[in-house]
């Protein structure tokens, strides 16, 4: 009987610790909302969220190449294997929020889109 109570307490404690760890890791890897001008300050691989107007866009196969403009600068981006919803959003003059990772490509910063929304 005493062992069961101790085992339940240990299980509950470990469960709470695991949930707290998941919460901490989730906030650690959350996308940081930035302006395009701030992109170069964060470095390659940084996960970011950028709200901007689509300045230009075109499809090549299942990928969509686009350029964002938020008034602080312009940033190239690519959405690999873009779905129909992403293709509709990534059209010229649409206002979008792109979540992705920064990458230096041919000496220019770009965002590799993981999620595109309004």
Protein backbone atom coordinates (compact mmCIF):
# COMPACT_ATOMS: atom_id res chain seq x y z
CA UNK A 1 0.00 0.00 0.00
CA UNK A 2 2.77 2.43 0.96
CA UNK A 3 4.67 1.58 -2.23
CA UNK A 4 1.62 2.36 -4.39
CA UNK A 5 1.20 5.79 -2.77
CA UNK A 6 4.91 6.57 -3.22
CA UNK A 7 4.79 5.37 -6.83
CA UNK A 8 1.76 7.55 -7.56
CA UNK A 9 3.48 10.59 -6.06
CA UNK A 10 6.65 9.98 -8.06
CA UNK A 11 4.61 9.51 -11.26
CA UNK A 12 2.66 12.71 -10.64
CA UNK A 13 5.85 14.66 -9.89
CA UNK A 14 7.56 13.42 -13.06
CA UNK A 15 4.47 14.18 -15.14
CA UNK A 16 4.35 17.76 -13.86
CA UNK A 17 8.10 18.18 -14.45
CA UNK A 18 7.68 16.85 -18.02
CA UNK A 19 4.85 19.26 -18.79
CA UNK A 20 6.89 22.16 -17.41
CA UNK A 21 9.87 21.12 -19.57
CA UNK A 22 7.70 20.94 -22.69
CA UNK A 23 6.29 24.39 -21.95
CA UNK A 24 9.80 25.82 -21.50
CA UNK A 25 11.08 24.23 -24.71
CA UNK A 26 8.02 25.48 -26.60
CA UNK A 27 8.69 29.07 -25.58
CA UNK A 28 12.40 28.68 -26.30
CA UNK A 29 11.79 27.69 -29.92
CA UNK A 30 8.87 30.05 -30.54
CA UNK A 31 9.21 32.32 -33.55
CA UNK A 32 10.31 35.86 -32.71
CA UNK A 33 8.20 38.61 -34.34
CA UNK A 34 10.61 40.93 -36.19
CA UNK A 35 10.77 43.54 -38.93
CA UNK A 36 12.71 42.82 -42.10
CA UNK A 37 15.35 45.36 -41.07
CA UNK A 38 16.09 43.25 -37.97
CA UNK A 39 16.65 40.01 -39.93
CA UNK A 40 20.41 40.36 -40.36
CA UNK A 41 20.88 40.97 -36.61
CA UNK A 42 19.53 37.53 -35.66
CA UNK A 43 21.69 35.29 -37.77
CA UNK A 44 21.24 32.17 -39.80
CA UNK A 45 18.79 29.59 -38.54
CA UNK A 46 16.80 31.99 -36.33
CA UNK A 47 13.09 31.19 -36.27
CA UNK A 48 11.14 34.36 -36.96
CA UNK A 49 7.68 35.68 -37.79
CA UNK A 50 7.39 38.53 -40.27
CA UNK A 51 4.18 40.38 -41.12
CA UNK A 52 4.47 42.12 -44.47
CA UNK A 53 2.98 42.76 -47.87
CA UNK A 54 3.85 40.39 -50.72
CA UNK A 55 5.82 42.58 -53.11
CA UNK A 56 6.16 39.87 -55.77
CA UNK A 57 5.66 36.12 -56.09
CA UNK A 58 5.94 33.34 -58.63
CA UNK A 59 5.62 29.56 -58.61
CA UNK A 60 8.19 27.10 -59.85
CA UNK A 61 6.88 23.57 -59.63
CA UNK A 62 5.49 23.00 -56.15
CA UNK A 63 7.55 25.86 -54.68
CA UNK A 64 6.63 29.54 -54.37
CA UNK A 65 9.34 32.21 -54.44
CA UNK A 66 8.25 35.55 -53.02
CA UNK A 67 9.49 38.91 -51.82
CA UNK A 68 8.11 40.61 -48.72
CA UNK A 69 8.06 44.35 -47.98
CA UNK A 70 7.17 45.66 -44.51
CA UNK A 71 8.27 49.26 -44.99
CA UNK A 72 11.65 48.65 -43.29
CA UNK A 73 13.05 46.66 -46.20
CA UNK A 74 12.49 43.77 -48.56
CA UNK A 75 13.20 40.10 -47.98
CA UNK A 76 13.23 37.18 -50.39
CA UNK A 77 11.51 33.98 -49.33
CA UNK A 78 10.61 30.52 -50.48
CA UNK A 79 7.82 28.15 -49.53
CA UNK A 80 8.79 24.60 -50.46
CA UNK A 81 5.95 22.25 -51.43
CA UNK A 82 3.40 25.04 -50.97
CA UNK A 83 -0.18 23.93 -50.59
CA UNK A 84 -3.16 25.57 -52.25
CA UNK A 85 -3.87 27.80 -49.23
CA UNK A 86 -0.27 29.08 -49.18
CA UNK A 87 -0.36 29.74 -52.94
CA UNK A 88 -3.53 31.84 -52.54
CA UNK A 89 -1.97 33.90 -49.75
CA UNK A 90 1.39 34.40 -51.46
CA UNK A 91 0.10 36.67 -54.19
CA UNK A 92 1.21 40.20 -54.98
CA UNK A 93 -0.22 42.88 -52.63
CA UNK A 94 -1.60 40.38 -50.09
CA UNK A 95 -0.67 41.03 -46.46
CA UNK A 96 0.71 37.87 -44.86
CA UNK A 97 2.46 36.58 -41.78
CA UNK A 98 5.32 34.23 -42.62
CA UNK A 99 6.87 32.03 -39.95
CA UNK A 100 10.14 30.42 -40.89
CA UNK A 101 13.90 30.30 -40.54
CA UNK A 102 16.40 32.86 -41.77
CA UNK A 103 19.06 31.76 -44.21
CA UNK A 104 21.90 33.50 -45.98
CA UNK A 105 21.73 32.70 -49.69
CA UNK A 106 24.16 34.23 -52.19
CA UNK A 107 25.06 36.89 -49.61
CA UNK A 108 21.40 37.93 -49.12
CA UNK A 109 19.03 37.08 -46.29
CA UNK A 110 15.91 35.08 -47.08
CA UNK A 111 13.22 33.30 -45.12
CA UNK A 112 12.42 29.64 -45.61
CA UNK A 113 8.69 29.55 -44.90
CA UNK A 114 7.35 26.92 -42.53
CA UNK A 115 3.90 28.48 -42.20
CA UNK A 116 2.07 31.21 -44.11
CA UNK A 117 -1.05 32.88 -42.73
CA UNK A 118 -3.03 36.11 -42.73
